[in-house]
Amino acid sequence: MPTTLTLKNIPDAVYDRLKASAEMNRRSLNNEAIVCLETILTPQNITPSERLDRARALRATMAGKVFSASDIDEFKRQGRP
């Protein structure tokens, strides 16, 4: 079950960067904080070759597809395809 966490005394510079990142990624401030915490606390330890394999597999699934800016914005709103 999810737990609620209240943060106090966040430095202005940290808050500003979190807010800017949330806006850039079209996430709420809460969701952006969760993503940041997950990224730091539960890192994906994969080798460079595994990362390359994943990138190549993703690229292969996208071969020949062209997305407009409006397509990309819609994917972001939907949580990505």
N, C-alpha and C. Protein backbone atom coordinates (compact mmCIF):
# COMPACT_ATOMS: atom_id res chain seq x y z
N MET A 1 0.84 -1.18 0.00
CA MET A 1 0.00 0.00 0.00
C MET A 1 0.89 1.24 0.00
N PRO A 2 0.58 2.22 -0.87
CA PRO A 2 1.39 3.44 -0.92
C PRO A 2 1.36 4.20 0.40
N THR A 3 2.43 4.86 0.68
CA THR A 3 2.56 5.64 1.91
C THR A 3 2.68 7.11 1.54
N THR A 4 2.15 7.97 2.37
CA THR A 4 2.24 9.41 2.17
C THR A 4 3.49 9.93 2.86
N LEU A 5 4.19 10.84 2.18
CA LEU A 5 5.40 11.43 2.72
C LEU A 5 5.29 12.94 2.58
N THR A 6 5.53 13.65 3.65
CA THR A 6 5.54 15.11 3.62
C THR A 6 6.98 15.57 3.75
N LEU A 7 7.40 16.43 2.85
CA LEU A 7 8.76 16.97 2.89
C LEU A 7 8.71 18.41 3.38
N LYS A 8 9.60 18.75 4.29
CA LYS A 8 9.66 20.11 4.84
C LYS A 8 11.04 20.70 4.58
N ASN A 9 11.08 21.99 4.53
CA ASN A 9 12.35 22.74 4.41
C ASN A 9 13.13 22.38 3.15
N ILE A 10 12.44 22.19 2.05
CA ILE A 10 13.10 21.92 0.78
C ILE A 10 13.77 23.21 0.32
N PRO A 11 15.05 23.16 0.02
CA PRO A 11 15.72 24.38 -0.46
C PRO A 11 15.05 24.90 -1.74
N ASP A 12 14.98 26.22 -1.85
CA ASP A 12 14.32 26.83 -3.01
C ASP A 12 14.89 26.33 -4.33
N ALA A 13 16.20 26.21 -4.41
CA ALA A 13 16.83 25.77 -5.66
C ALA A 13 16.41 24.35 -6.02
N VAL A 14 16.28 23.47 -5.04
CA VAL A 14 15.86 22.09 -5.28
C VAL A 14 14.40 22.08 -5.74
N TYR A 15 13.57 22.85 -5.06
CA TYR A 15 12.16 22.93 -5.43
C TYR A 15 12.00 23.45 -6.86
N ASP A 16 12.74 24.50 -7.19
CA ASP A 16 12.65 25.08 -8.52
C ASP A 16 13.05 24.08 -9.60
N ARG A 17 14.12 23.31 -9.34
CA ARG A 17 14.56 22.31 -10.32
C ARG A 17 13.54 21.19 -10.45
N LEU A 18 12.97 20.76 -9.33
CA LEU A 18 11.95 19.71 -9.36
C LEU A 18 10.71 20.18 -10.12
N LYS A 19 10.31 21.40 -9.86
CA LYS A 19 9.14 21.96 -10.54
C LYS A 19 9.39 22.08 -12.04
N ALA A 20 10.56 22.56 -12.43
CA ALA A 20 10.90 22.69 -13.84
C ALA A 20 10.94 21.32 -14.51
N SER A 21 11.52 20.34 -13.84
CA SER A 21 11.58 18.99 -14.38
C SER A 21 10.19 18.39 -14.53
N ALA A 22 9.32 18.63 -13.56
CA ALA A 22 7.94 18.13 -13.64
C ALA A 22 7.22 18.74 -14.83
N GLU A 23 7.38 20.03 -15.04
CA GLU A 23 6.74 20.70 -16.18
C GLU A 23 7.29 20.16 -17.49
N MET A 24 8.60 19.98 -17.57
CA MET A 24 9.21 19.49 -18.79
C MET A 24 8.73 18.08 -19.13
N ASN A 25 8.52 17.26 -18.10
CA ASN A 25 8.09 15.87 -18.32
C ASN A 25 6.57 15.70 -18.23
N ARG A 26 5.87 16.82 -18.09
CA ARG A 26 4.41 16.82 -18.01
C ARG A 26 3.91 15.90 -16.90
N ARG A 27 4.53 16.05 -15.75
CA ARG A 27 4.14 15.29 -14.57
C ARG A 27 3.74 16.27 -13.46
N SER A 28 2.99 15.76 -12.51
CA SER A 28 2.73 16.56 -11.32
C SER A 28 4.02 16.63 -10.51
N LEU A 29 4.07 17.58 -9.60
CA LEU A 29 5.23 17.71 -8.73
C LEU A 29 5.42 16.43 -7.91
N ASN A 30 4.33 15.86 -7.44
CA ASN A 30 4.38 14.62 -6.67
C ASN A 30 4.96 13.47 -7.50
N ASN A 31 4.45 13.30 -8.72
CA ASN A 31 4.93 12.20 -9.57
C ASN A 31 6.40 12.39 -9.95
N GLU A 32 6.79 13.63 -10.16
CA GLU A 32 8.20 13.88 -10.50
C GLU A 32 9.10 13.53 -9.32
N ALA A 33 8.67 13.86 -8.10
CA ALA A 33 9.45 13.51 -6.92
C ALA A 33 9.57 12.00 -6.78
N ILE A 34 8.49 11.28 -7.04
CA ILE A 34 8.52 9.81 -6.96
C ILE A 34 9.49 9.24 -7.99
N VAL A 35 9.43 9.75 -9.23
CA VAL A 35 10.35 9.27 -10.27
C VAL A 35 11.80 9.53 -9.86
N CYS A 36 12.07 10.71 -9.33
CA CYS A 36 13.44 11.03 -8.89
C CYS A 36 13.90 10.09 -7.79
N LEU A 37 13.05 9.85 -6.81
CA LEU A 37 13.41 8.93 -5.73
C LEU A 37 13.62 7.51 -6.24
N GLU A 38 12.73 7.05 -7.11
CA GLU A 38 12.89 5.70 -7.66
C GLU A 38 14.19 5.57 -8.45
N THR A 39 14.51 6.60 -9.22
CA THR A 39 15.73 6.57 -10.03
C THR A 39 16.98 6.44 -9.16
N ILE A 40 16.99 7.16 -8.06
CA ILE A 40 18.16 7.15 -7.18
C ILE A 40 18.19 5.93 -6.27
N LEU A 41 17.04 5.55 -5.73
CA LEU A 41 17.02 4.50 -4.71
C LEU A 41 16.87 3.09 -5.27
N THR A 42 16.38 2.95 -6.47
CA THR A 42 16.23 1.63 -7.09
C THR A 42 16.81 1.66 -8.49
N PRO A 43 18.11 1.92 -8.58
CA PRO A 43 18.73 2.03 -9.91
C PRO A 43 18.70 0.69 -10.66
N GLN A 44 18.62 0.81 -11.95
CA GLN A 44 18.67 -0.36 -12.83
C GLN A 44 20.15 -0.62 -13.14
N ASN A 45 20.72 -1.61 -12.51
CA ASN A 45 22.12 -1.94 -12.75
C ASN A 45 22.23 -2.87 -13.95
N ILE A 46 22.33 -2.27 -15.13
CA ILE A 46 22.49 -3.06 -16.34
C ILE A 46 23.82 -2.69 -17.00
N THR A 47 24.36 -3.64 -17.70
CA THR A 47 25.65 -3.41 -18.35
C THR A 47 25.44 -2.53 -19.58
N PRO A 48 26.51 -1.89 -20.04
CA PRO A 48 26.39 -1.08 -21.26
C PRO A 48 25.88 -1.90 -22.46
N SER A 49 26.30 -3.15 -22.56
CA SER A 49 25.84 -3.96 -23.70
C SER A 49 24.35 -4.27 -23.58
N GLU A 50 23.85 -4.47 -22.35
CA GLU A 50 22.41 -4.68 -22.17
C GLU A 50 21.63 -3.42 -22.54
N ARG A 51 22.17 -2.27 -22.15
CA ARG A 51 21.51 -1.00 -22.49
C ARG A 51 21.48 -0.81 -24.01
N LEU A 52 22.58 -1.13 -24.67
CA LEU A 52 22.62 -1.04 -26.14
C LEU A 52 21.62 -1.98 -26.79
N ASP A 53 21.55 -3.21 -26.28
CA ASP A 53 20.59 -4.18 -26.81
C ASP A 53 19.16 -3.67 -26.68
N ARG A 54 18.84 -3.08 -25.54
CA ARG A 54 17.50 -2.53 -25.33
C ARG A 54 17.22 -1.39 -26.30
N ALA A 55 18.21 -0.52 -26.48
CA ALA A 55 18.04 0.61 -27.39
C ALA A 55 17.85 0.12 -28.82
N ARG A 56 18.62 -0.87 -29.22
CA ARG A 56 18.49 -1.41 -30.58
C ARG A 56 17.13 -2.10 -30.77
N ALA A 57 16.67 -2.82 -29.76
CA ALA A 57 15.36 -3.47 -29.86
C ALA A 57 14.26 -2.43 -29.97
N LEU A 58 14.36 -1.36 -29.20
CA LEU A 58 13.36 -0.31 -29.27
C LEU A 58 13.39 0.36 -30.64
N ARG A 59 14.58 0.64 -31.13
CA ARG A 59 14.72 1.26 -32.44
C ARG A 59 14.11 0.38 -33.52
N ALA A 60 14.30 -0.93 -33.42
CA ALA A 60 13.75 -1.86 -34.42
C ALA A 60 12.22 -1.82 -34.43
N THR A 61 11.61 -1.67 -33.26
CA THR A 61 10.15 -1.62 -33.21
C THR A 61 9.61 -0.32 -33.79
N MET A 62 10.45 0.71 -33.86
CA MET A 62 10.02 2.01 -34.35
C MET A 62 10.41 2.25 -35.80
N ALA A 63 11.02 1.29 -36.45
CA ALA A 63 11.53 1.46 -37.81
C ALA A 63 10.42 1.96 -38.74
N GLY A 64 10.73 3.03 -39.44
CA GLY A 64 9.81 3.57 -40.43
C GLY A 64 8.71 4.45 -39.86
N LYS A 65 8.60 4.56 -38.56
CA LYS A 65 7.56 5.39 -37.96
C LYS A 65 8.07 6.82 -37.79
N VAL A 66 7.20 7.75 -38.14
CA VAL A 66 7.52 9.16 -37.96
C VAL A 66 6.40 9.78 -37.13
N PHE A 67 6.77 10.48 -36.08
CA PHE A 67 5.79 11.08 -35.20
C PHE A 67 5.88 12.59 -35.27
N SER A 68 4.73 13.23 -35.35
CA SER A 68 4.69 14.69 -35.33
C SER A 68 4.76 15.17 -33.88
N ALA A 69 4.98 16.46 -33.72
CA ALA A 69 5.04 17.02 -32.37
C ALA A 69 3.71 16.79 -31.65
N SER A 70 2.60 16.91 -32.37
CA SER A 70 1.29 16.69 -31.73
C SER A 70 1.11 15.22 -31.33
N ASP A 71 1.65 14.28 -32.13
CA ASP A 71 1.62 12.86 -31.76
C ASP A 71 2.38 12.64 -30.46
N ILE A 72 3.54 13.23 -30.36
CA ILE A 72 4.39 13.07 -29.17
C ILE A 72 3.70 13.67 -27.95
N ASP A 73 3.09 14.84 -28.11
CA ASP A 73 2.36 15.44 -26.99
C ASP A 73 1.22 14.54 -26.53
N GLU A 74 0.50 13.95 -27.48
CA GLU A 74 -0.60 13.05 -27.13
C GLU A 74 -0.08 11.81 -26.40
N PHE A 75 1.03 11.25 -26.85
CA PHE A 75 1.63 10.09 -26.16
C PHE A 75 1.98 10.45 -24.72
N LYS A 76 2.52 11.63 -24.52
CA LYS A 76 2.87 12.07 -23.17
C LYS A 76 1.64 12.15 -22.28
N ARG A 77 0.55 12.72 -22.84
CA ARG A 77 -0.68 12.81 -22.06
C ARG A 77 -1.25 11.44 -21.72
N GLN A 78 -1.05 10.47 -22.60
CA GLN A 78 -1.58 9.12 -22.38
C GLN A 78 -0.64 8.26 -21.55
N GLY A 79 0.54 8.72 -21.29
CA GLY A 79 1.49 7.91 -20.52
C GLY A 79 2.41 7.09 -21.41
N ARG A 80 2.52 7.48 -22.67
CA ARG A 80 3.39 6.85 -23.66
C ARG A 80 2.82 5.55 -24.18
N PRO A 81 3.15 5.23 -25.44
CA PRO A 81 2.59 4.01 -26.07
C PRO A 81 3.23 2.75 -25.54
